[in-house]
Amino acid sequence: MTVASFAAWCWLLLCQGFFWRTDVRLPPRRDPEVWPSVGVVVPARDEAAVLSVSLPSLLAQDYPGRAEVFLVDDGSSDGTGQLARELSRRYGGLPLTVDSPGEPPAGWTGKLWAVRHGIARARARGPEYLLLTDADIAHAPDSLRELVAAARTGGFDVVSQMARLRVESLWERLVVPAFVYFFAQLYPFRRIGRKGSRTAAAAGGCVLLRADMAATARIPDAIRQAVIDDVALARAVKDAGGHVWLGLADRVDSVRPYPRLGDLRRMVSRSAYAQLRHNPLLLLGTVAGLTLVYLLPPAGVVVGATTGSTATAVAGALAWAVMTGTYVPMLRYYRQPLRLAPLLPFTAFLYLLMTVDSAVQHYRGRGAAWKGRTYARPGALPDEG
């Protein structure tokens, strides 16, 4: 079995879109002669703890064209909307509109209902582009102009950047870089940006979307039940004939903390089983795949060393070495010590447990969650938890 694991890693290394490389950044771009107008839509539910860092960065965007921020306060109980208005008065910058859509109707996730409301408000201004960004995302001052320049230069309907997540606590160091690594393994960035490729994904924290394409692809109505809304959005755009680009960000950062393992477990578990389309067979296949690819190599080294099976130990060591090598670029991107790379099997085991936990929560009727709302299954009414 360790030989099979080594063969799997050879295939992943060479044939899975070079997912392990971290050099997919904003594509070549040049300033347009006329800068198009942009509506920035920010869904926000109980985000007062992070808004004082993220929102000023949006208001301070150095954008040569017309841009306006639409923050949608989705039933917050912590004064998110009031804080947003106070920050706008304090910092100035781009115009800010704060509104609330009321409770989502049946068949909508709360976040996408908020996004729908924000897009409707933005469209009244006739923008050429929509920037969909989460309330925990801080943008460098030139973030918007760089996104727009990349979209115009490359003819992209979607330009999305995977925000650099916070990595400060011990558990964040162990789990967060692996989260992006696993995402890239599932959705290799190079394939996403290739015309004609069926691979589709985006990063919901930072999505620049051409407004005409949003209408053509019926965003967000067509994906109103999606828990993993960023991937669903990219799929809808590609299905409508659009061109999507996704890469790693240099100066777009998430400021949301995940200091404890339980925080990270909730982040992963809320959508892991949805990623598997709530299919028990896919769950079993995922558990088997994670075991073969990530857990067998170190197990093979131990078993081979204790039983005297040189072939088992060598195959396990080679697979573990390839695995470790592919993880190094992501650790460098996150500025983390490379000694964490050999611990990837342990992190993968944590993700295996979180995925199983996601399925357990689904069958207990809790399902996916977003900011206090849970969805037992697609189309279910939200449970205000």
Protein backbone atom coordinates (compact mmCIF):
# COMPACT_ATOMS: atom_id res chain seq x y z
CA MET A 1 0.00 0.00 0.00
CA THR A 2 2.88 2.40 0.62
CA VAL A 3 3.94 1.85 -2.99
CA ALA A 4 0.46 2.92 -4.06
CA SER A 5 0.78 5.99 -1.86
CA PHE A 6 4.13 6.87 -3.45
CA ALA A 7 2.63 6.42 -6.92
CA ALA A 8 -0.27 8.71 -5.93
CA TRP A 9 2.18 11.39 -4.83
CA CYS A 10 4.15 11.14 -8.06
CA TRP A 11 0.90 11.71 -9.94
CA LEU A 12 -0.11 14.63 -7.71
CA LEU A 13 3.33 16.18 -8.10
CA LEU A 14 3.31 16.15 -11.88
CA CYS A 15 -0.26 15.80 -13.10
CA GLN A 16 -2.53 17.83 -10.80
CA GLY A 17 -1.94 21.24 -12.33
CA PHE A 18 1.22 21.86 -10.29
CA PHE A 19 -1.17 22.75 -7.45
CA TRP A 20 1.70 22.98 -4.97
CA ARG A 21 3.29 25.99 -6.62
CA THR A 22 2.46 29.37 -5.12
CA ASP A 23 3.45 31.63 -8.02
CA VAL A 24 -0.07 32.12 -9.41
CA ARG A 25 -0.51 35.81 -8.57
CA LEU A 26 -2.36 38.58 -10.36
CA PRO A 27 -1.73 38.18 -14.11
CA PRO A 28 0.01 40.84 -16.24
CA ARG A 29 -2.04 44.03 -16.34
CA ARG A 30 -2.00 47.61 -17.53
CA ASP A 31 -4.06 50.62 -16.57
CA PRO A 32 -7.15 51.11 -18.75
CA GLU A 33 -7.60 54.41 -20.53
CA VAL A 34 -10.90 54.91 -18.74
CA TRP A 35 -11.41 53.35 -15.33
CA PRO A 36 -14.80 51.60 -15.06
CA SER A 37 -17.16 52.18 -12.15
CA VAL A 38 -17.27 49.58 -9.36
CA GLY A 39 -19.82 48.66 -6.71
CA VAL A 40 -18.24 47.03 -3.64
CA VAL A 41 -20.66 44.66 -1.86
CA VAL A 42 -19.87 43.59 1.72
CA PRO A 43 -22.24 41.14 3.47
CA ALA A 44 -21.78 41.52 7.22
CA ARG A 45 -23.35 39.66 10.13
CA ASP A 46 -21.98 40.29 13.63
CA GLU A 47 -18.65 41.56 12.34
CA ALA A 48 -17.99 44.42 14.78
CA ALA A 49 -14.88 42.65 16.11
CA VAL A 50 -13.08 42.84 12.73
CA LEU A 51 -14.81 45.70 10.92
CA SER A 52 -12.66 48.46 12.42
CA VAL A 53 -9.65 46.91 10.63
CA SER A 54 -11.21 45.77 7.36
CA LEU A 55 -13.70 48.51 6.42
CA PRO A 56 -11.27 51.46 6.60
CA SER A 57 -9.06 49.62 4.10
CA LEU A 58 -11.96 49.53 1.63
CA LEU A 59 -12.92 53.14 2.19
CA ALA A 60 -9.29 54.16 1.59
CA GLN A 61 -9.01 52.53 -1.84
CA ASP A 62 -6.93 54.60 -4.24
CA TYR A 63 -9.14 54.04 -7.26
CA PRO A 64 -9.11 56.48 -10.20
CA GLY A 65 -12.69 55.68 -11.27
CA ARG A 66 -16.03 55.85 -9.49
CA ALA A 67 -16.45 53.35 -6.69
CA GLU A 68 -18.94 52.98 -3.85
CA VAL A 69 -19.19 50.57 -0.92
CA PHE A 70 -22.49 48.84 -0.05
CA LEU A 71 -22.35 47.13 3.32
CA VAL A 72 -25.33 44.87 3.98
CA ASP A 73 -25.98 44.43 7.70
CA ASP A 74 -27.53 40.98 7.80
CA GLY A 75 -29.42 41.06 11.09
CA SER A 76 -26.39 41.75 13.28
CA SER A 77 -26.80 41.86 17.04
CA ASP A 78 -23.45 43.52 17.80
CA GLY A 79 -23.96 46.95 16.22
CA THR A 80 -22.17 46.14 12.95
CA GLY A 81 -24.21 48.60 10.89
CA GLN A 82 -23.81 51.45 13.38
CA LEU A 83 -20.07 50.84 13.60
CA ALA A 84 -19.78 50.90 9.81
CA ARG A 85 -21.44 54.34 9.69
CA GLU A 86 -19.16 55.61 12.44
CA LEU A 87 -16.08 54.36 10.59
CA SER A 88 -17.24 56.08 7.41
CA ARG A 89 -17.68 59.38 9.24
CA ARG A 90 -14.28 58.99 10.88
CA TYR A 91 -12.21 57.95 7.88
CA GLY A 92 -14.10 59.32 4.89
CA GLY A 93 -12.93 57.92 1.56
CA LEU A 94 -15.27 56.02 -0.75
CA PRO A 95 -19.01 56.63 -0.27
CA LEU A 96 -20.63 54.05 2.02
CA THR A 97 -24.23 52.85 2.05
CA VAL A 98 -25.36 50.66 4.93
CA ASP A 99 -28.58 48.73 4.51
CA SER A 100 -30.35 45.62 5.80
CA PRO A 101 -32.33 43.11 3.72
CA GLY A 102 -34.36 41.52 6.51
CA GLU A 103 -34.48 37.79 7.13
CA PRO A 104 -33.77 35.50 4.15
CA PRO A 105 -36.71 33.65 2.63
CA ALA A 106 -36.80 29.87 2.35
CA GLY A 107 -34.29 28.51 -0.13
CA TRP A 108 -31.65 31.18 0.47
CA THR A 109 -28.54 31.12 2.60
CA GLY A 110 -28.29 34.24 4.72
CA LYS A 111 -25.03 35.40 3.16
CA LEU A 112 -26.27 35.12 -0.42
CA TRP A 113 -29.51 36.89 0.46
CA ALA A 114 -27.38 39.75 1.79
CA VAL A 115 -25.24 39.67 -1.36
CA ARG A 116 -28.38 39.80 -3.52
CA HIS A 117 -29.58 42.88 -1.67
CA GLY A 118 -26.17 44.56 -1.98
CA ILE A 119 -25.91 43.81 -5.70
CA ALA A 120 -29.38 45.27 -6.27
CA ARG A 121 -28.36 48.49 -4.50
CA ALA A 122 -25.10 48.65 -6.43
CA ARG A 123 -26.77 48.05 -9.80
CA ALA A 124 -28.86 51.17 -9.29
CA ARG A 125 -25.58 53.08 -9.84
CA GLY A 126 -24.85 51.19 -13.06
CA PRO A 127 -21.36 49.81 -12.22
CA GLU A 128 -19.38 47.85 -14.77
CA TYR A 129 -17.85 45.66 -12.07
CA LEU A 130 -18.88 44.31 -8.69
CA LEU A 131 -16.36 43.57 -5.98
CA LEU A 132 -17.76 40.96 -3.58
CA THR A 133 -15.65 40.94 -0.44
CA ASP A 134 -16.17 39.61 3.07
CA ALA A 135 -16.28 41.84 6.12
CA ASP A 136 -13.11 40.32 7.56
CA ILE A 137 -10.95 41.12 4.51
CA ALA A 138 -8.45 43.98 4.61
CA HIS A 139 -7.30 45.35 1.25
CA ALA A 140 -4.13 47.21 0.37
CA PRO A 141 -4.83 50.75 -0.95
CA ASP A 142 -4.25 49.69 -4.57
CA SER A 143 -6.17 46.41 -4.34
CA LEU A 144 -9.23 47.53 -6.32
CA ARG A 145 -7.30 49.19 -9.12
CA GLU A 146 -5.04 46.13 -9.49
CA LEU A 147 -8.04 43.79 -9.68
CA VAL A 148 -9.79 45.95 -12.27
CA ALA A 149 -6.62 46.35 -14.34
CA ALA A 150 -6.10 42.58 -14.34
CA ALA A 151 -9.71 41.93 -15.36
CA ARG A 152 -9.64 44.48 -18.20
CA THR A 153 -6.21 43.43 -19.49
CA GLY A 154 -6.92 39.69 -19.44
CA GLY A 155 -10.56 39.86 -20.48
CA PHE A 156 -11.64 38.03 -17.32
CA ASP A 157 -15.23 37.99 -16.12
CA VAL A 158 -14.07 37.02 -12.63
CA VAL A 159 -10.78 37.87 -10.97
CA SER A 160 -10.54 36.40 -7.48
CA GLN A 161 -7.74 36.37 -4.95
CA MET A 162 -7.34 33.88 -2.13
CA ALA A 163 -6.79 36.21 0.81
CA ARG A 164 -3.86 35.44 3.06
CA LEU A 165 -5.46 34.05 6.22
CA ARG A 166 -4.26 34.95 9.69
CA VAL A 167 -1.53 32.66 11.03
CA GLU A 168 -0.50 33.55 14.57
CA SER A 169 -1.64 30.91 17.07
CA LEU A 170 -0.19 27.40 17.22
CA TRP A 171 -3.31 25.85 15.71
CA GLU A 172 -3.46 28.45 12.95
CA ARG A 173 0.13 27.59 12.04
CA LEU A 174 -0.74 23.89 11.82
CA VAL A 175 -4.10 24.13 10.07
CA VAL A 176 -4.41 27.33 8.01
CA PRO A 177 -1.65 26.89 5.40
CA ALA A 178 -2.88 23.33 4.86
CA PHE A 179 -6.40 24.66 4.27
CA VAL A 180 -5.19 26.65 1.25
CA TYR A 181 -2.92 23.79 0.17
CA PHE A 182 -5.84 21.32 0.13
CA PHE A 183 -8.06 23.83 -1.67
CA ALA A 184 -5.44 24.28 -4.39
CA GLN A 185 -5.12 20.51 -4.67
CA LEU A 186 -8.86 20.21 -5.33
CA TYR A 187 -8.98 23.26 -7.61
CA PRO A 188 -5.56 23.83 -9.23
CA PHE A 189 -5.31 27.55 -9.90
CA ARG A 190 -3.60 27.11 -13.27
CA ARG A 191 -6.48 25.05 -14.59
CA ILE A 192 -9.09 27.54 -13.38
CA GLY A 193 -7.61 30.37 -15.45
CA ARG A 194 -7.23 28.27 -18.59
CA LYS A 195 -9.89 28.89 -21.25
CA GLY A 196 -11.90 25.76 -21.95
CA SER A 197 -11.04 24.17 -18.61
CA ARG A 198 -13.98 22.86 -16.58
CA THR A 199 -12.20 23.47 -13.26
CA ALA A 200 -13.98 26.36 -11.54
CA ALA A 201 -13.44 28.02 -8.18
CA ALA A 202 -13.12 31.43 -6.59
CA ALA A 203 -12.26 32.75 -3.14
CA GLY A 204 -15.30 34.41 -1.62
CA GLY A 205 -13.32 36.97 0.33
CA CYS A 206 -12.23 38.79 -2.83
CA VAL A 207 -14.18 38.36 -6.09
CA LEU A 208 -14.25 41.00 -8.81
CA LEU A 209 -17.18 40.15 -11.07
CA ARG A 210 -18.20 41.85 -14.29
CA ALA A 211 -21.74 43.16 -13.73
CA ASP A 212 -22.98 42.03 -17.15
CA MET A 213 -21.78 38.51 -16.44
CA ALA A 214 -23.46 38.57 -13.04
CA ALA A 215 -26.75 39.23 -14.83
CA THR A 216 -26.08 36.59 -17.50
CA ALA A 217 -25.14 33.93 -14.95
CA ARG A 218 -27.98 35.01 -12.62
CA ILE A 219 -25.69 35.70 -9.69
CA PRO A 220 -26.61 35.18 -6.91
CA ASP A 221 -30.10 33.79 -7.66
CA ALA A 222 -28.72 30.76 -9.49
CA ILE A 223 -26.63 29.77 -6.45
CA ARG A 224 -28.99 30.91 -3.68
CA GLN A 225 -28.79 27.58 -1.80
CA ALA A 226 -25.01 27.20 -2.08
CA VAL A 227 -23.08 26.86 1.15
CA ILE A 228 -19.73 27.00 -0.69
CA ASP A 229 -20.86 30.07 -2.59
CA ASP A 230 -17.49 31.05 -4.08
CA VAL A 231 -17.04 27.76 -5.92
CA ALA A 232 -20.70 27.82 -7.01
CA LEU A 233 -20.30 31.38 -8.32
CA ALA A 234 -17.27 30.44 -10.42
CA ARG A 235 -19.08 27.38 -11.77
CA ALA A 236 -22.13 29.45 -12.75
CA VAL A 237 -19.92 31.98 -14.54
CA LYS A 238 -18.05 29.28 -16.45
CA ASP A 239 -21.31 27.57 -17.36
CA ALA A 240 -22.45 30.92 -18.82
CA GLY A 241 -19.33 31.06 -20.99
CA GLY A 242 -17.31 33.34 -18.71
CA HIS A 243 -13.57 33.43 -18.08
CA VAL A 244 -12.45 32.98 -14.46
CA TRP A 245 -9.09 33.62 -12.82
CA LEU A 246 -8.08 32.67 -9.27
CA GLY A 247 -4.74 33.08 -7.54
CA LEU A 248 -3.03 33.82 -4.27
CA ALA A 249 -3.08 37.34 -2.88
CA ASP A 250 -0.08 39.44 -1.93
CA ARG A 251 -1.82 42.26 -0.05
CA VAL A 252 -5.35 41.06 0.60
CA ASP A 253 -5.57 39.63 4.11
CA SER A 254 -8.18 38.05 6.34
CA VAL A 255 -8.12 39.57 9.83
CA ARG A 256 -10.45 37.00 11.37
CA PRO A 257 -8.72 35.09 14.19
CA TYR A 258 -9.01 31.33 14.71
CA PRO A 259 -6.98 31.03 17.94
CA ARG A 260 -8.32 27.64 19.09
CA LEU A 261 -8.65 24.29 17.38
CA GLY A 262 -12.41 24.43 18.00
CA ASP A 263 -12.64 27.65 15.96
CA LEU A 264 -10.86 26.01 13.06
CA ARG A 265 -12.97 22.86 13.39
CA ARG A 266 -16.14 24.93 13.02
CA MET A 267 -14.68 26.74 10.00
CA VAL A 268 -13.92 23.47 8.20
CA SER A 269 -16.87 21.39 9.42
CA ARG A 270 -19.51 23.90 8.41
CA SER A 271 -18.91 23.24 4.71
CA ALA A 272 -16.81 20.07 4.35
CA TYR A 273 -19.75 17.68 3.85
CA ALA A 274 -21.45 20.17 1.54
CA GLN A 275 -18.28 20.01 -0.57
CA LEU A 276 -19.00 16.27 -0.85
CA ARG A 277 -22.61 17.01 -1.89
CA HIS A 278 -23.86 15.29 1.27
CA ASN A 279 -23.02 11.95 -0.34
CA PRO A 280 -22.00 9.11 2.03
CA LEU A 281 -20.10 7.33 -0.76
CA LEU A 282 -18.06 10.43 -1.48
CA LEU A 283 -17.38 10.71 2.25
CA LEU A 284 -16.08 7.14 2.38
CA GLY A 285 -13.97 7.79 -0.71
CA THR A 286 -12.54 10.94 0.86
CA VAL A 287 -11.64 9.15 4.08
CA ALA A 288 -10.00 6.36 2.10
CA GLY A 289 -8.16 8.84 -0.12
CA LEU A 290 -6.84 10.90 2.80
CA THR A 291 -5.72 7.70 4.50
CA LEU A 292 -3.91 6.40 1.41
CA VAL A 293 -2.27 9.67 0.43
CA TYR A 294 -1.46 11.31 3.76
CA LEU A 295 -1.58 8.75 6.58
CA LEU A 296 -0.03 5.65 5.02
CA PRO A 297 3.43 7.14 4.28
CA PRO A 298 4.42 7.82 7.93
CA ALA A 299 2.64 4.62 9.00
CA GLY A 300 4.66 2.71 6.39
CA VAL A 301 7.91 4.14 7.73
CA VAL A 302 7.03 3.02 11.26
CA VAL A 303 5.71 -0.41 10.25
CA GLY A 304 8.61 -1.04 7.88
CA ALA A 305 11.17 -0.10 10.53
CA THR A 306 9.58 -2.27 13.21
CA THR A 307 8.97 -5.30 11.00
CA GLY A 308 12.17 -5.14 9.01
CA SER A 309 10.34 -4.58 5.71
CA THR A 310 12.77 -2.34 3.84
CA ALA A 311 10.49 -1.93 0.82
CA THR A 312 7.60 -0.74 2.97
CA ALA A 313 9.78 1.73 4.86
CA VAL A 314 11.47 3.10 1.74
CA ALA A 315 8.21 3.53 -0.19
CA GLY A 316 6.65 5.24 2.82
CA ALA A 317 9.66 7.52 3.26
CA LEU A 318 9.68 8.48 -0.43
CA ALA A 319 5.95 9.30 -0.40
CA TRP A 320 6.38 11.31 2.81
CA ALA A 321 9.33 13.17 1.27
CA VAL A 322 7.35 14.15 -1.85
CA MET A 323 4.42 15.21 0.32
CA THR A 324 6.70 17.32 2.49
CA GLY A 325 8.35 18.92 -0.52
CA THR A 326 5.05 19.94 -2.08
CA TYR A 327 3.99 21.61 1.17
CA VAL A 328 7.12 23.75 1.53
CA PRO A 329 6.07 26.47 -0.97
CA MET A 330 2.80 27.07 0.92
CA LEU A 331 4.65 27.37 4.22
CA ARG A 332 7.00 29.88 2.62
CA TYR A 333 4.05 31.84 1.29
CA TYR A 334 2.68 32.01 4.83
CA ARG A 335 6.14 32.81 6.23
CA GLN A 336 6.08 29.76 8.49
CA PRO A 337 9.01 27.57 9.61
CA LEU A 338 9.71 24.74 7.21
CA ARG A 339 9.96 22.28 10.09
CA LEU A 340 6.14 22.19 9.98
CA ALA A 341 6.18 20.51 6.56
CA PRO A 342 6.71 16.92 7.81
CA LEU A 343 3.72 17.39 10.13
CA LEU A 344 1.30 17.54 7.18
CA PRO A 345 0.04 13.95 7.82
CA PHE A 346 -1.03 15.00 11.32
CA THR A 347 -2.85 18.04 9.90
CA ALA A 348 -4.50 15.85 7.25
CA PHE A 349 -5.71 13.55 10.03
CA LEU A 350 -7.30 16.57 11.72
CA TYR A 351 -9.04 17.45 8.45
CA LEU A 352 -10.26 13.87 8.13
CA LEU A 353 -11.84 14.13 11.59
CA MET A 354 -13.35 17.53 10.76
CA THR A 355 -14.85 16.16 7.56
CA VAL A 356 -16.43 13.25 9.42
CA ASP A 357 -17.68 15.71 12.04
CA SER A 358 -19.27 17.78 9.26
CA ALA A 359 -21.19 14.69 8.11
CA VAL A 360 -22.25 13.89 11.67
CA GLN A 361 -23.54 17.43 12.17
CA HIS A 362 -25.47 17.17 8.90
CA TYR A 363 -27.25 13.98 9.91
CA ARG A 364 -28.01 15.42 13.33
CA GLY A 365 -29.91 18.16 11.53
CA ARG A 366 -27.44 20.96 12.21
CA GLY A 367 -25.77 21.04 8.82
CA ALA A 368 -23.79 23.95 7.45
CA ALA A 369 -23.61 27.28 9.22
CA TRP A 370 -22.83 30.92 8.52
CA LYS A 371 -22.69 33.52 11.30
CA GLY A 372 -25.18 31.89 13.63
CA ARG A 373 -27.48 30.39 10.98
CA THR A 374 -27.52 26.68 10.30
CA TYR A 375 -28.89 24.80 7.28
CA ALA A 376 -29.82 21.20 7.82
CA ARG A 377 -29.88 20.50 4.06
CA PRO A 378 -30.20 22.51 0.83
CA GLY A 379 -33.38 24.54 0.81
CA ALA A 380 -34.05 24.21 4.51
CA LEU A 381 -35.22 27.17 6.53
CA PRO A 382 -32.43 28.80 8.52
CA ASP A 383 -32.25 27.99 12.20
CA GLU A 384 -31.21 31.03 14.20
CA GLY A 385 -28.67 29.48 16.54
